[in-house]
Amino acid sequence: MRTAALSLILAVSLAACSAERPLKAAPIVRASPDLDLVVREVVFIGAQAQDPDGEVASFAWSLVAAPDPSATQLTPKGRKGEVLELKTGGIPGHYVLSVTATDDDELVSEPDFVNL
């Protein structure tokens, strides 16, 4: 009887060890579509992300290009920074922003870009 019980415990333990664990996956982020920007002082832009194996923890925005970067301010809004307040200083021109998402495993998505 004792041998049977030990055999069962060993079989269950070995089965648990051989099970493959899923690989961790980075989130996938999507920013607002490109916009034709009418000269404005403030613009709000949003992003969404999904994480196939967990939760999205935060968003990070970057200014890639602007007519006058020193006059441009980026302020993340929302609980996780999923909304961006862009202050242009009223300067017309082409703006490019990027956004990434970080998940609860600290994996970072590929960036998505918005052209304004």
PDB file of N, CA and C in Angstrom:
ATOM      1  N   MET A   1       0.820  -1.191   0.000  1.00  0.00           N
ATOM      2  CA  MET A   1       0.000   0.000   0.000  1.00  0.00           C
ATOM      3  C   MET A   1       0.868   1.261   0.000  1.00  0.00           C
ATOM      4  N   ARG A   2       1.917   1.236   0.814  1.00  0.00           N
ATOM      5  CA  ARG A   2       2.795   2.393   0.899  1.00  0.00           C
ATOM      6  C   ARG A   2       3.504   2.624  -0.431  1.00  0.00           C
ATOM      7  N   THR A   3       3.900   1.564  -1.135  1.00  0.00           N
ATOM      8  CA  THR A   3       4.565   1.674  -2.425  1.00  0.00           C
ATOM      9  C   THR A   3       3.630   2.295  -3.459  1.00  0.00           C
ATOM     10  N   ALA A   4       2.363   1.908  -3.422  1.00  0.00           N
ATOM     11  CA  ALA A   4       1.387   2.458  -4.368  1.00  0.00           C
ATOM     12  C   ALA A   4       1.195   3.953  -4.136  1.00  0.00           C
ATOM     13  N   ALA A   5       1.119   4.356  -2.865  1.00  0.00           N
ATOM     14  CA  ALA A   5       0.938   5.773  -2.548  1.00  0.00           C
ATOM     15  C   ALA A   5       2.150   6.587  -2.992  1.00  0.00           C
ATOM     16  N   LEU A   6       3.359   6.061  -2.742  1.00  0.00           N
ATOM     17  CA  LEU A   6       4.570   6.760  -3.164  1.00  0.00           C
ATOM     18  C   LEU A   6       4.662   6.842  -4.680  1.00  0.00           C
ATOM     19  N   SER A   7       4.242   5.775  -5.362  1.00  0.00           N
ATOM     20  CA  SER A   7       4.255   5.780  -6.829  1.00  0.00           C
ATOM     21  C   SER A   7       3.309   6.842  -7.378  1.00  0.00           C
ATOM     22  N   LEU A   8       2.144   6.962  -6.752  1.00  0.00           N
ATOM     23  CA  LEU A   8       1.165   7.962  -7.183  1.00  0.00           C
ATOM     24  C   LEU A   8       1.712   9.380  -6.968  1.00  0.00           C
ATOM     25  N   ILE A   9       2.318   9.629  -5.814  1.00  0.00           N
ATOM     26  CA  ILE A   9       2.894  10.946  -5.537  1.00  0.00           C
ATOM     27  C   ILE A   9       4.000  11.266  -6.531  1.00  0.00           C
ATOM     28  N   LEU A  10       4.853  10.285  -6.823  1.00  0.00           N
ATOM     29  CA  LEU A  10       5.931  10.483  -7.780  1.00  0.00           C
ATOM     30  C   LEU A  10       5.381  10.783  -9.171  1.00  0.00           C
ATOM     31  N   ALA A  11       4.352  10.058  -9.592  1.00  0.00           N
ATOM     32  CA  ALA A  11       3.767  10.262 -10.921  1.00  0.00           C
ATOM     33  C   ALA A  11       3.170  11.664 -11.047  1.00  0.00           C
ATOM     34  N   VAL A  12       2.461  12.114 -10.013  1.00  0.00           N
ATOM     35  CA  VAL A  12       1.860  13.448 -10.040  1.00  0.00           C
ATOM     36  C   VAL A  12       2.950  14.521 -10.048  1.00  0.00           C
ATOM     37  N   SER A  13       3.990  14.329  -9.257  1.00  0.00           N
ATOM     38  CA  SER A  13       5.093  15.294  -9.208  1.00  0.00           C
ATOM     39  C   SER A  13       5.800  15.402 -10.545  1.00  0.00           C
ATOM     40  N   LEU A  14       6.063  14.274 -11.178  1.00  0.00           N
ATOM     41  CA  LEU A  14       6.734  14.290 -12.475  1.00  0.00           C
ATOM     42  C   LEU A  14       5.863  14.933 -13.544  1.00  0.00           C
ATOM     43  N   ALA A  15       4.574  14.676 -13.499  1.00  0.00           N
ATOM     44  CA  ALA A  15       3.665  15.280 -14.479  1.00  0.00           C
ATOM     45  C   ALA A  15       3.656  16.801 -14.335  1.00  0.00           C
ATOM     46  N   ALA A  16       3.682  17.286 -13.093  1.00  0.00           N
ATOM     47  CA  ALA A  16       3.690  18.730 -12.867  1.00  0.00           C
ATOM     48  C   ALA A  16       4.992  19.362 -13.343  1.00  0.00           C
ATOM     49  N   CYS A  17       6.092  18.651 -13.207  1.00  0.00           N
ATOM     50  CA  CYS A  17       7.392  19.187 -13.630  1.00  0.00           C
ATOM     51  C   CYS A  17       7.516  19.262 -15.142  1.00  0.00           C
ATOM     52  N   SER A  18       6.873  18.347 -15.835  1.00  0.00           N
ATOM     53  CA  SER A  18       7.032  18.307 -17.286  1.00  0.00           C
ATOM     54  C   SER A  18       6.095  19.261 -18.017  1.00  0.00           C
ATOM     55  N   ALA A  19       5.123  19.802 -17.308  1.00  0.00           N
ATOM     56  CA  ALA A  19       4.186  20.717 -17.964  1.00  0.00           C
ATOM     57  C   ALA A  19       4.918  21.989 -18.377  1.00  0.00           C
ATOM     58  N   GLU A  20       4.715  22.401 -19.611  1.00  0.00           N
ATOM     59  CA  GLU A  20       5.355  23.619 -20.102  1.00  0.00           C
ATOM     60  C   GLU A  20       4.617  24.832 -19.569  1.00  0.00           C
ATOM     61  N   ARG A  21       5.367  25.807 -19.142  1.00  0.00           N
ATOM     62  CA  ARG A  21       4.770  27.056 -18.695  1.00  0.00           C
ATOM     63  C   ARG A  21       4.686  27.998 -19.884  1.00  0.00           C
ATOM     64  N   PRO A  22       3.595  28.748 -19.993  1.00  0.00           N
ATOM     65  CA  PRO A  22       3.482  29.670 -21.129  1.00  0.00           C
ATOM     66  C   PRO A  22       4.545  30.762 -21.043  1.00  0.00           C
ATOM     67  N   LEU A  23       5.021  31.181 -22.204  1.00  0.00           N
ATOM     68  CA  LEU A  23       5.983  32.275 -22.265  1.00  0.00           C
ATOM     69  C   LEU A  23       5.284  33.582 -21.927  1.00  0.00           C
ATOM     70  N   LYS A  24       5.995  34.473 -21.309  1.00  0.00           N
ATOM     71  CA  LYS A  24       5.443  35.789 -21.002  1.00  0.00           C
ATOM     72  C   LYS A  24       5.393  36.600 -22.293  1.00  0.00           C
ATOM     73  N   ALA A  25       4.330  37.343 -22.468  1.00  0.00           N
ATOM     74  CA  ALA A  25       4.157  38.131 -23.690  1.00  0.00           C
ATOM     75  C   ALA A  25       4.026  39.605 -23.331  1.00  0.00           C
ATOM     76  N   ALA A  26       4.643  40.446 -24.128  1.00  0.00           N
ATOM     77  CA  ALA A  26       4.546  41.897 -23.943  1.00  0.00           C
ATOM     78  C   ALA A  26       3.164  42.372 -24.376  1.00  0.00           C
ATOM     79  N   PRO A  27       2.708  43.494 -23.829  1.00  0.00           N
ATOM     80  CA  PRO A  27       1.418  44.030 -24.257  1.00  0.00           C
ATOM     81  C   PRO A  27       1.486  44.577 -25.682  1.00  0.00           C
ATOM     82  N   ILE A  28       0.315  44.807 -26.243  1.00  0.00           N
ATOM     83  CA  ILE A  28       0.190  45.393 -27.578  1.00  0.00           C
ATOM     84  C   ILE A  28      -0.534  46.721 -27.401  1.00  0.00           C
ATOM     85  N   VAL A  29       0.058  47.804 -27.897  1.00  0.00           N
ATOM     86  CA  VAL A  29      -0.508  49.135 -27.694  1.00  0.00           C
ATOM     87  C   VAL A  29      -0.968  49.723 -29.023  1.00  0.00           C
ATOM     88  N   ARG A  30      -2.066  50.478 -28.969  1.00  0.00           N
ATOM     89  CA  ARG A  30      -2.588  51.188 -30.136  1.00  0.00           C
ATOM     90  C   ARG A  30      -2.930  52.614 -29.712  1.00  0.00           C
ATOM     91  N   ALA A  31      -2.360  53.565 -30.415  1.00  0.00           N
ATOM     92  CA  ALA A  31      -2.625  54.980 -30.138  1.00  0.00           C
ATOM     93  C   ALA A  31      -3.791  55.464 -30.989  1.00  0.00           C
ATOM     94  N   SER A  32      -4.246  56.661 -30.689  1.00  0.00           N
ATOM     95  CA  SER A  32      -5.282  57.301 -31.502  1.00  0.00           C
ATOM     96  C   SER A  32      -4.831  57.345 -32.953  1.00  0.00           C
ATOM     97  N   PRO A  33      -5.775  57.379 -33.889  1.00  0.00           N
ATOM     98  CA  PRO A  33      -5.370  57.515 -35.294  1.00  0.00           C
ATOM     99  C   PRO A  33      -4.710  58.873 -35.535  1.00  0.00           C
ATOM    100  N   ASP A  34      -3.974  58.962 -36.629  1.00  0.00           N
ATOM    101  CA  ASP A  34      -3.348  60.231 -37.010  1.00  0.00           C
ATOM    102  C   ASP A  34      -4.425  61.301 -37.166  1.00  0.00           C
ATOM    103  N   LEU A  35      -4.066  62.531 -36.865  1.00  0.00           N
ATOM    104  CA  LEU A  35      -5.019  63.638 -36.907  1.00  0.00           C
ATOM    105  C   LEU A  35      -4.476  64.782 -37.740  1.00  0.00           C
ATOM    106  N   ASP A  36      -5.388  65.500 -38.397  1.00  0.00           N
ATOM    107  CA  ASP A  36      -5.020  66.770 -39.015  1.00  0.00           C
ATOM    108  C   ASP A  36      -5.189  67.814 -37.924  1.00  0.00           C
ATOM    109  N   LEU A  37      -4.094  68.377 -37.508  1.00  0.00           N
ATOM    110  CA  LEU A  37      -4.097  69.278 -36.363  1.00  0.00           C
ATOM    111  C   LEU A  37      -4.358  70.706 -36.804  1.00  0.00           C
ATOM    112  N   VAL A  38      -5.468  71.234 -36.336  1.00  0.00           N
ATOM    113  CA  VAL A  38      -5.738  72.655 -36.486  1.00  0.00           C
ATOM    114  C   VAL A  38      -4.942  73.312 -35.367  1.00  0.00           C
ATOM    115  N   VAL A  39      -4.365  74.463 -35.638  1.00  0.00           N
ATOM    116  CA  VAL A  39      -3.517  75.097 -34.626  1.00  0.00           C
ATOM    117  C   VAL A  39      -4.316  75.254 -33.333  1.00  0.00           C
ATOM    118  N   ARG A  40      -3.843  74.550 -32.322  1.00  0.00           N
ATOM    119  CA  ARG A  40      -4.476  74.598 -31.006  1.00  0.00           C
ATOM    120  C   ARG A  40      -3.386  74.652 -29.954  1.00  0.00           C
ATOM    121  N   GLU A  41      -3.753  75.156 -28.826  1.00  0.00           N
ATOM    122  CA  GLU A  41      -2.822  75.197 -27.697  1.00  0.00           C
ATOM    123  C   GLU A  41      -2.724  73.819 -27.040  1.00  0.00           C
ATOM    124  N   VAL A  42      -3.860  73.115 -26.920  1.00  0.00           N
ATOM    125  CA  VAL A  42      -3.898  71.835 -26.203  1.00  0.00           C
ATOM    126  C   VAL A  42      -4.642  70.793 -27.032  1.00  0.00           C
ATOM    127  N   VAL A  43      -4.083  69.585 -27.077  1.00  0.00           N
ATOM    128  CA  VAL A  43      -4.708  68.451 -27.764  1.00  0.00           C
ATOM    129  C   VAL A  43      -4.635  67.252 -26.824  1.00  0.00           C
ATOM    130  N   PHE A  44      -5.714  66.469 -26.772  1.00  0.00           N
ATOM    131  CA  PHE A  44      -5.715  65.243 -25.975  1.00  0.00           C
ATOM    132  C   PHE A  44      -5.678  64.045 -26.913  1.00  0.00           C
ATOM    133  N   ILE A  45      -4.806  63.096 -26.613  1.00  0.00           N
ATOM    134  CA  ILE A  45      -4.618  61.895 -27.427  1.00  0.00           C
ATOM    135  C   ILE A  45      -4.702  60.698 -26.496  1.00  0.00           C
ATOM    136  N   GLY A  46      -5.319  59.615 -26.963  1.00  0.00           N
ATOM    137  CA  GLY A  46      -5.461  58.433 -26.120  1.00  0.00           C
ATOM    138  C   GLY A  46      -4.801  57.211 -26.715  1.00  0.00           C
ATOM    139  N   ALA A  47      -4.617  56.217 -25.867  1.00  0.00           N
ATOM    140  CA  ALA A  47      -4.064  54.931 -26.291  1.00  0.00           C
ATOM    141  C   ALA A  47      -4.766  53.827 -25.519  1.00  0.00           C
ATOM    142  N   GLN A  48      -4.803  52.663 -26.133  1.00  0.00           N
ATOM    143  CA  GLN A  48      -5.329  51.462 -25.488  1.00  0.00           C
ATOM    144  C   GLN A  48      -4.292  50.373 -25.633  1.00  0.00           C
ATOM    145  N   ALA A  49      -4.292  49.432 -24.701  1.00  0.00           N
ATOM    146  CA  ALA A  49      -3.371  48.303 -24.794  1.00  0.00           C
ATOM    147  C   ALA A  49      -4.037  47.081 -24.198  1.00  0.00           C
ATOM    148  N   GLN A  50      -3.594  45.940 -24.663  1.00  0.00           N
ATOM    149  CA  GLN A  50      -4.023  44.686 -24.065  1.00  0.00           C
ATOM    150  C   GLN A  50      -2.808  43.812 -23.855  1.00  0.00           C
ATOM    151  N   ASP A  51      -2.851  43.054 -22.780  1.00  0.00           N
ATOM    152  CA  ASP A  51      -1.757  42.156 -22.442  1.00  0.00           C
ATOM    153  C   ASP A  51      -2.311  40.737 -22.462  1.00  0.00           C
ATOM    154  N   PRO A  52      -1.794  39.883 -23.346  1.00  0.00           N
ATOM    155  CA  PRO A  52      -2.338  38.534 -23.482  1.00  0.00           C
ATOM    156  C   PRO A  52      -2.215  37.678 -22.226  1.00  0.00           C
ATOM    157  N   ASP A  53      -1.294  38.016 -21.326  1.00  0.00           N
ATOM    158  CA  ASP A  53      -1.099  37.151 -20.158  1.00  0.00           C
ATOM    159  C   ASP A  53      -1.125  37.904 -18.832  1.00  0.00           C
ATOM    160  N   GLY A  54      -1.751  39.061 -18.793  1.00  0.00           N
ATOM    161  CA  GLY A  54      -1.786  39.794 -17.530  1.00  0.00           C
ATOM    162  C   GLY A  54      -2.457  41.138 -17.673  1.00  0.00           C
ATOM    163  N   GLU A  55      -1.932  42.110 -16.963  1.00  0.00           N
ATOM    164  CA  GLU A  55      -2.506  43.447 -16.909  1.00  0.00           C
ATOM    165  C   GLU A  55      -1.534  44.481 -17.471  1.00  0.00           C
ATOM    166  N   VAL A  56      -2.081  45.509 -18.084  1.00  0.00           N
ATOM    167  CA  VAL A  56      -1.269  46.652 -18.508  1.00  0.00           C
ATOM    168  C   VAL A  56      -1.076  47.534 -17.277  1.00  0.00           C
ATOM    169  N   ALA A  57       0.173  47.843 -16.961  1.00  0.00           N
ATOM    170  CA  ALA A  57       0.479  48.622 -15.761  1.00  0.00           C
ATOM    171  C   ALA A  57       0.578  50.116 -16.045  1.00  0.00           C
ATOM    172  N   SER A  58       1.166  50.487 -17.200  1.00  0.00           N
ATOM    173  CA  SER A  58       1.359  51.912 -17.468  1.00  0.00           C
ATOM    174  C   SER A  58       1.632  52.161 -18.945  1.00  0.00           C
ATOM    175  N   PHE A  59       1.507  53.437 -19.319  1.00  0.00           N
ATOM    176  CA  PHE A  59       1.805  53.902 -20.669  1.00  0.00           C
ATOM    177  C   PHE A  59       2.915  54.944 -20.577  1.00  0.00           C
ATOM    178  N   ALA A  60       3.756  55.006 -21.609  1.00  0.00           N
ATOM    179  CA  ALA A  60       4.817  56.021 -21.669  1.00  0.00           C
ATOM    180  C   ALA A  60       4.764  56.698 -23.032  1.00  0.00           C
ATOM    181  N   TRP A  61       4.698  58.017 -23.034  1.00  0.00           N
ATOM    182  CA  TRP A  61       4.616  58.817 -24.253  1.00  0.00           C
ATOM    183  C   TRP A  61       5.943  59.524 -24.492  1.00  0.00           C
ATOM    184  N   SER A  62       6.302  59.678 -25.763  1.00  0.00           N
ATOM    185  CA  SER A  62       7.523  60.402 -26.131  1.00  0.00           C
ATOM    186  C   SER A  62       7.246  61.306 -27.321  1.00  0.00           C
ATOM    187  N   LEU A  63       7.903  62.439 -27.330  1.00  0.00           N
ATOM    188  CA  LEU A  63       7.850  63.351 -28.466  1.00  0.00           C
ATOM    189  C   LEU A  63       8.955  62.955 -29.431  1.00  0.00           C
ATOM    190  N   VAL A  64       8.570  62.555 -30.638  1.00  0.00           N
ATOM    191  CA  VAL A  64       9.539  62.126 -31.652  1.00  0.00           C
ATOM    192  C   VAL A  64       9.959  63.309 -32.513  1.00  0.00           C
ATOM    193  N   ALA A  65       8.991  64.156 -32.882  1.00  0.00           N
ATOM    194  CA  ALA A  65       9.290  65.315 -33.726  1.00  0.00           C
ATOM    195  C   ALA A  65       8.275  66.418 -33.438  1.00  0.00           C
ATOM    196  N   ALA A  66       8.741  67.656 -33.527  1.00  0.00           N
ATOM    197  CA  ALA A  66       7.879  68.825 -33.337  1.00  0.00           C
ATOM    198  C   ALA A  66       8.566  70.030 -33.962  1.00  0.00           C
ATOM    199  N   PRO A  67       7.776  71.031 -34.412  1.00  0.00           N
ATOM    200  CA  PRO A  67       8.382  72.227 -34.988  1.00  0.00           C
ATOM    201  C   PRO A  67       9.306  72.940 -33.990  1.00  0.00           C
ATOM    202  N   ASP A  68       8.892  72.978 -32.733  1.00  0.00           N
ATOM    203  CA  ASP A  68       9.710  73.593 -31.680  1.00  0.00           C
ATOM    204  C   ASP A  68       9.580  72.732 -30.424  1.00  0.00           C
ATOM    205  N   PRO A  69      10.430  71.704 -30.282  1.00  0.00           N
ATOM    206  CA  PRO A  69      10.314  70.798 -29.134  1.00  0.00           C
ATOM    207  C   PRO A  69      10.367  71.510 -27.783  1.00  0.00           C
ATOM    208  N   SER A  70      11.103  72.601 -27.691  1.00  0.00           N
ATOM    209  CA  SER A  70      11.210  73.294 -26.402  1.00  0.00           C
ATOM    210  C   SER A  70       9.893  73.956 -25.989  1.00  0.00           C
ATOM    211  N   ALA A  71       9.007  74.212 -26.954  1.00  0.00           N
ATOM    212  CA  ALA A  71       7.714  74.828 -26.650  1.00  0.00           C
ATOM    213  C   ALA A  71       6.617  73.786 -26.450  1.00  0.00           C
ATOM    214  N   THR A  72       6.953  72.505 -26.586  1.00  0.00           N
ATOM    215  CA  THR A  72       5.974  71.423 -26.513  1.00  0.00           C
ATOM    216  C   THR A  72       6.032  70.754 -25.145  1.00  0.00           C
ATOM    217  N   GLN A  73       4.850  70.559 -24.551  1.00  0.00           N
ATOM    218  CA  GLN A  73       4.774  69.889 -23.251  1.00  0.00           C
ATOM    219  C   GLN A  73       3.901  68.652 -23.357  1.00  0.00           C
ATOM    220  N   LEU A  74       4.367  67.537 -22.776  1.00  0.00           N
ATOM    221  CA  LEU A  74       3.601  66.297 -22.715  1.00  0.00           C
ATOM    222  C   LEU A  74       3.243  66.029 -21.259  1.00  0.00           C
ATOM    223  N   THR A  75       1.942  65.829 -20.994  1.00  0.00           N
ATOM    224  CA  THR A  75       1.503  65.529 -19.636  1.00  0.00           C
ATOM    225  C   THR A  75       0.594  64.307 -19.676  1.00  0.00           C
ATOM    226  N   PRO A  76       1.066  63.149 -19.172  1.00  0.00           N
ATOM    227  CA  PRO A  76       0.209  61.962 -19.124  1.00  0.00           C
ATOM    228  C   PRO A  76      -0.959  62.189 -18.164  1.00  0.00           C
ATOM    229  N   LYS A  77      -2.119  61.692 -18.548  1.00  0.00           N
ATOM    230  CA  LYS A  77      -3.333  61.785 -17.734  1.00  0.00           C
ATOM    231  C   LYS A  77      -3.934  60.389 -17.621  1.00  0.00           C
ATOM    232  N   GLY A  78      -4.939  60.260 -16.802  1.00  0.00           N
ATOM    233  CA  GLY A  78      -5.586  58.965 -16.617  1.00  0.00           C
ATOM    234  C   GLY A  78      -4.854  58.157 -15.552  1.00  0.00           C
ATOM    235  N   ARG A  79      -5.483  57.096 -15.127  1.00  0.00           N
ATOM    236  CA  ARG A  79      -4.938  56.274 -14.046  1.00  0.00           C
ATOM    237  C   ARG A  79      -3.579  55.676 -14.382  1.00  0.00           C
ATOM    238  N   LYS A  80      -3.395  55.275 -15.642  1.00  0.00           N
ATOM    239  CA  LYS A  80      -2.157  54.616 -16.061  1.00  0.00           C
ATOM    240  C   LYS A  80      -1.375  55.438 -17.081  1.00  0.00           C
ATOM    241  N   GLY A  81      -1.820  56.657 -17.349  1.00  0.00           N
ATOM    242  CA  GLY A  81      -1.151  57.495 -18.347  1.00  0.00           C
ATOM    243  C   GLY A  81      -1.616  57.226 -19.759  1.00  0.00           C
ATOM    244  N   GLU A  82      -2.806  56.631 -19.904  1.00  0.00           N
ATOM    245  CA  GLU A  82      -3.313  56.257 -21.226  1.00  0.00           C
ATOM    246  C   GLU A  82      -3.806  57.436 -22.060  1.00  0.00           C
ATOM    247  N   VAL A  83      -3.952  58.590 -21.448  1.00  0.00           N
ATOM    248  CA  VAL A  83      -4.341  59.811 -22.162  1.00  0.00           C
ATOM    249  C   VAL A  83      -3.180  60.793 -22.053  1.00  0.00           C
ATOM    250  N   LEU A  84      -2.897  61.457 -23.152  1.00  0.00           N
ATOM    251  CA  LEU A  84      -1.813  62.436 -23.169  1.00  0.00           C
ATOM    252  C   LEU A  84      -2.379  63.816 -23.437  1.00  0.00           C
ATOM    253  N   GLU A  85      -1.986  64.772 -22.636  1.00  0.00           N
ATOM    254  CA  GLU A  85      -2.281  66.177 -22.896  1.00  0.00           C
ATOM    255  C   GLU A  85      -1.045  66.762 -23.580  1.00  0.00           C
ATOM    256  N   LEU A  86      -1.213  67.185 -24.815  1.00  0.00           N
ATOM    257  CA  LEU A  86      -0.128  67.765 -25.608  1.00  0.00           C
ATOM    258  C   LEU A  86      -0.355  69.265 -25.701  1.00  0.00           C
ATOM    259  N   LYS A  87       0.590  70.042 -25.196  1.00  0.00           N
ATOM    260  CA  LYS A  87       0.535  71.501 -25.319  1.00  0.00           C
ATOM    261  C   LYS A  87       1.543  71.900 -26.385  1.00  0.00           C
ATOM    262  N   THR A  88       1.030  72.525 -27.443  1.00  0.00           N
ATOM    263  CA  THR A  88       1.864  72.861 -28.603  1.00  0.00           C
ATOM    264  C   THR A  88       2.405  74.286 -28.559  1.00  0.00           C
ATOM    265  N   GLY A  89       1.929  75.078 -27.630  1.00  0.00           N
ATOM    266  CA  GLY A  89       2.320  76.486 -27.629  1.00  0.00           C
ATOM    267  C   GLY A  89       1.687  77.238 -28.790  1.00  0.00           C
ATOM    268  N   GLY A  90       0.690  76.613 -29.451  1.00  0.00           N
ATOM    269  CA  GLY A  90       0.027  77.237 -30.592  1.00  0.00           C
ATOM    270  C   GLY A  90       0.886  77.286 -31.837  1.00  0.00           C
ATOM    271  N   ILE A  91       1.968  76.525 -31.861  1.00  0.00           N
ATOM    272  CA  ILE A  91       2.886  76.539 -33.006  1.00  0.00           C
ATOM    273  C   ILE A  91       2.423  75.523 -34.043  1.00  0.00           C
ATOM    274  N   PRO A  92       2.099  75.964 -35.272  1.00  0.00           N
ATOM    275  CA  PRO A  92       1.657  75.024 -36.304  1.00  0.00           C
ATOM    276  C   PRO A  92       2.822  74.170 -36.800  1.00  0.00           C
ATOM    277  N   GLY A  93       2.475  73.015 -37.336  1.00  0.00           N
ATOM    278  CA  GLY A  93       3.499  72.142 -37.908  1.00  0.00           C
ATOM    279  C   GLY A  93       3.197  70.680 -37.672  1.00  0.00           C
ATOM    280  N   HIS A  94       4.155  69.846 -37.996  1.00  0.00           N
ATOM    281  CA  HIS A  94       4.019  68.394 -37.908  1.00  0.00           C
ATOM    282  C   HIS A  94       4.574  67.907 -36.564  1.00  0.00           C
ATOM    283  N   TYR A  95       3.743  67.172 -35.834  1.00  0.00           N
ATOM    284  CA  TYR A  95       4.140  66.591 -34.550  1.00  0.00           C
ATOM    285  C   TYR A  95       4.065  65.074 -34.676  1.00  0.00           C
ATOM    286  N   VAL A  96       5.024  64.377 -34.107  1.00  0.00           N
ATOM    287  CA  VAL A  96       5.005  62.911 -34.066  1.00  0.00           C
ATOM    288  C   VAL A  96       5.217  62.490 -32.621  1.00  0.00           C
ATOM    289  N   LEU A  97       4.324  61.636 -32.141  1.00  0.00           N
ATOM    290  CA  LEU A  97       4.399  61.116 -30.781  1.00  0.00           C
ATOM    291  C   LEU A  97       4.478  59.601 -30.834  1.00  0.00           C
ATOM    292  N   SER A  98       5.112  59.012 -29.844  1.00  0.00           N
ATOM    293  CA  SER A  98       5.101  57.555 -29.725  1.00  0.00           C
ATOM    294  C   SER A  98       4.573  57.192 -28.345  1.00  0.00           C
ATOM    295  N   VAL A  99       3.987  56.009 -28.255  1.00  0.00           N
ATOM    296  CA  VAL A  99       3.487  55.504 -26.980  1.00  0.00           C
ATOM    297  C   VAL A  99       3.843  54.027 -26.864  1.00  0.00           C
ATOM    298  N   THR A 100       4.220  53.624 -25.663  1.00  0.00           N
ATOM    299  CA  THR A 100       4.438  52.212 -25.349  1.00  0.00           C
ATOM    300  C   THR A 100       3.625  51.878 -24.111  1.00  0.00           C
ATOM    301  N   ALA A 101       3.393  50.592 -23.914  1.00  0.00           N
ATOM    302  CA  ALA A 101       2.708  50.109 -22.718  1.00  0.00           C
ATOM    303  C   ALA A 101       3.622  49.118 -22.009  1.00  0.00           C
ATOM    304  N   THR A 102       3.595  49.153 -20.693  1.00  0.00           N
ATOM    305  CA  THR A 102       4.350  48.215 -19.867  1.00  0.00           C
ATOM    306  C   THR A 102       3.348  47.382 -19.084  1.00  0.00           C
ATOM    307  N   ASP A 103       3.600  46.061 -19.023  1.00  0.00           N
ATOM    308  CA  ASP A 103       2.658  45.192 -18.318  1.00  0.00           C
ATOM    309  C   ASP A 103       3.134  44.878 -16.903  1.00  0.00           C
ATOM    310  N   ASP A 104       2.350  44.058 -16.208  1.00  0.00           N
ATOM    311  CA  ASP A 104       2.664  43.719 -14.824  1.00  0.00           C
ATOM    312  C   ASP A 104       3.890  42.818 -14.683  1.00  0.00           C
ATOM    313  N   ASP A 105       4.420  42.311 -15.792  1.00  0.00           N
ATOM    314  CA  ASP A 105       5.676  41.552 -15.784  1.00  0.00           C
ATOM    315  C   ASP A 105       6.853  42.441 -16.191  1.00  0.00           C
ATOM    316  N   GLU A 106       6.596  43.748 -16.332  1.00  0.00           N
ATOM    317  CA  GLU A 106       7.581  44.749 -16.749  1.00  0.00           C
ATOM    318  C   GLU A 106       8.082  44.551 -18.179  1.00  0.00           C
ATOM    319  N   LEU A 107       7.266  43.909 -19.019  1.00  0.00           N
ATOM    320  CA  LEU A 107       7.570  43.797 -20.443  1.00  0.00           C
ATOM    321  C   LEU A 107       6.984  45.014 -21.146  1.00  0.00           C
ATOM    322  N   VAL A 108       7.716  45.543 -22.120  1.00  0.00           N
ATOM    323  CA  VAL A 108       7.316  46.771 -22.810  1.00  0.00           C
ATOM    324  C   VAL A 108       6.918  46.444 -24.244  1.00  0.00           C
ATOM    325  N   SER A 109       5.821  47.035 -24.691  1.00  0.00           N
ATOM    326  CA  SER A 109       5.324  46.830 -26.052  1.00  0.00           C
ATOM    327  C   SER A 109       6.237  47.503 -27.068  1.00  0.00           C
ATOM    328  N   GLU A 110       6.029  47.154 -28.319  1.00  0.00           N
ATOM    329  CA  GLU A 110       6.611  47.922 -29.419  1.00  0.00           C
ATOM    330  C   GLU A 110       5.880  49.265 -29.441  1.00  0.00           C
ATOM    331  N   PRO A 111       6.519  50.345 -29.856  1.00  0.00           N
ATOM    332  CA  PRO A 111       5.828  51.638 -29.869  1.00  0.00           C
ATOM    333  C   PRO A 111       4.796  51.731 -30.990  1.00  0.00           C
ATOM    334  N   ASP A 112       3.794  52.547 -30.747  1.00  0.00           N
ATOM    335  CA  ASP A 112       2.860  52.948 -31.792  1.00  0.00           C
ATOM    336  C   ASP A 112       3.023  54.464 -31.925  1.00  0.00           C
ATOM    337  N   PHE A 113       2.760  54.980 -33.117  1.00  0.00           N
ATOM    338  CA  PHE A 113       3.032  56.388 -33.407  1.00  0.00           C
ATOM    339  C   PHE A 113       1.765  57.120 -33.808  1.00  0.00           C
ATOM    340  N   VAL A 114       1.720  58.403 -33.474  1.00  0.00           N
ATOM    341  CA  VAL A 114       0.635  59.293 -33.879  1.00  0.00           C
ATOM    342  C   VAL A 114       1.267  60.476 -34.596  1.00  0.00           C
ATOM    343  N   ASN A 115       0.745  60.786 -35.769  1.00  0.00           N
ATOM    344  CA  ASN A 115       1.178  61.958 -36.541  1.00  0.00           C
ATOM    345  C   ASN A 115       0.095  63.018 -36.447  1.00  0.00           C
ATOM    346  N   LEU A 116       0.497  64.220 -36.123  1.00  0.00           N
ATOM    347  CA  LEU A 116      -0.439  65.340 -36.031  1.00  0.00           C
ATOM    348  C   LEU A 116       0.043  66.460 -36.930  1.00  0.00           C
TER     349      LEU A 116
END
